Amino acid sequence: MVKVFFCPGGINYKNMKPISRFAMKMFAKSLLNKKDATEEEKKQGEMISKNYSLMDKKYIEPIFTELK
């Protein structure tokens, strides 16, 4: 059986290629400016409009435990 682990990451626009950075910024603006946007879409637009990180060691611990 293959186990699945949840390991969230983040976005760092400084490390992206210009075309990817442009595409992500346009996508974020489209979500923020959408007339009938859901609350989830608004939150997504706000989140991806700037750098963020969700990385935490607590997500890696179950992987190490499984490998032992």
Protein backbone atom coordinates (compact mmCIF):
# COMPACT_ATOMS: atom_id res chain seq x y z
CA MET A 1 0.00 0.00 0.00
CA VAL A 2 1.24 3.50 -0.83
CA LYS A 3 0.77 6.12 1.87
CA VAL A 4 -0.04 9.71 0.99
CA PHE A 5 1.41 12.61 2.96
CA PHE A 6 0.30 16.25 3.01
CA CYS A 7 3.25 18.62 2.67
CA PRO A 8 2.13 22.16 1.83
CA GLY A 9 4.62 24.53 0.26
CA GLY A 10 4.31 28.14 -0.73
CA ILE A 11 5.09 30.76 -3.35
CA ASN A 12 8.23 32.84 -3.68
CA TYR A 13 7.90 35.20 -6.65
CA LYS A 14 11.57 36.19 -6.43
CA ASN A 15 12.60 32.64 -7.43
CA MET A 16 10.17 32.36 -10.36
CA LYS A 17 10.94 32.95 -13.99
CA PRO A 18 9.41 36.19 -15.27
CA ILE A 19 6.74 34.47 -17.40
CA SER A 20 5.61 32.30 -14.46
CA ARG A 21 5.57 35.29 -12.12
CA PHE A 22 3.49 37.24 -14.65
CA ALA A 23 1.04 34.36 -15.11
CA MET A 24 0.56 33.92 -11.35
CA LYS A 25 0.06 37.65 -10.78
CA MET A 26 -2.53 37.75 -13.59
CA PHE A 27 -4.32 34.73 -12.14
CA ALA A 28 -4.37 36.34 -8.68
CA LYS A 29 -5.78 39.58 -10.14
CA SER A 30 -8.45 37.65 -12.04
CA LEU A 31 -9.57 35.97 -8.81
CA LEU A 32 -9.56 39.25 -6.87
CA ASN A 33 -11.48 41.12 -9.57
CA LYS A 34 -14.01 38.37 -10.34
CA LYS A 35 -17.51 39.81 -9.91
CA ASP A 36 -19.19 36.67 -8.57
CA ALA A 37 -16.17 35.25 -6.72
CA THR A 38 -16.80 32.84 -3.89
CA GLU A 39 -15.16 33.41 -0.50
CA GLU A 40 -12.70 30.63 -1.32
CA GLU A 41 -11.71 32.30 -4.60
CA LYS A 42 -11.21 35.62 -2.82
CA LYS A 43 -8.99 33.97 -0.21
CA GLN A 44 -7.00 32.20 -2.92
CA GLY A 45 -6.55 35.47 -4.80
CA GLU A 46 -5.31 37.23 -1.67
CA MET A 47 -2.99 34.39 -0.77
CA ILE A 48 -1.30 34.01 -4.17
CA SER A 49 -0.98 37.74 -4.73
CA LYS A 50 2.13 37.80 -2.51
CA ASN A 51 4.87 35.49 -1.22
CA TYR A 52 3.83 32.97 1.40
CA SER A 53 5.07 29.77 3.00
CA LEU A 54 3.12 27.01 4.68
CA MET A 55 6.16 24.81 5.24
CA ASP A 56 6.48 23.36 8.71
CA LYS A 57 8.54 20.50 10.14
CA LYS A 58 5.39 18.95 11.57
CA TYR A 59 4.46 17.81 8.04
CA ILE A 60 7.76 15.96 7.61
CA GLU A 61 7.64 14.03 10.88
CA PRO A 62 5.06 11.44 9.66
CA ILE A 63 7.27 10.72 6.63
CA PHE A 64 10.30 10.06 8.82
CA THR A 65 8.21 7.91 11.13
CA GLU A 66 7.01 5.83 8.16
CA LEU A 67 10.56 5.40 6.81
CA LYS A 68 11.90 4.03 10.13
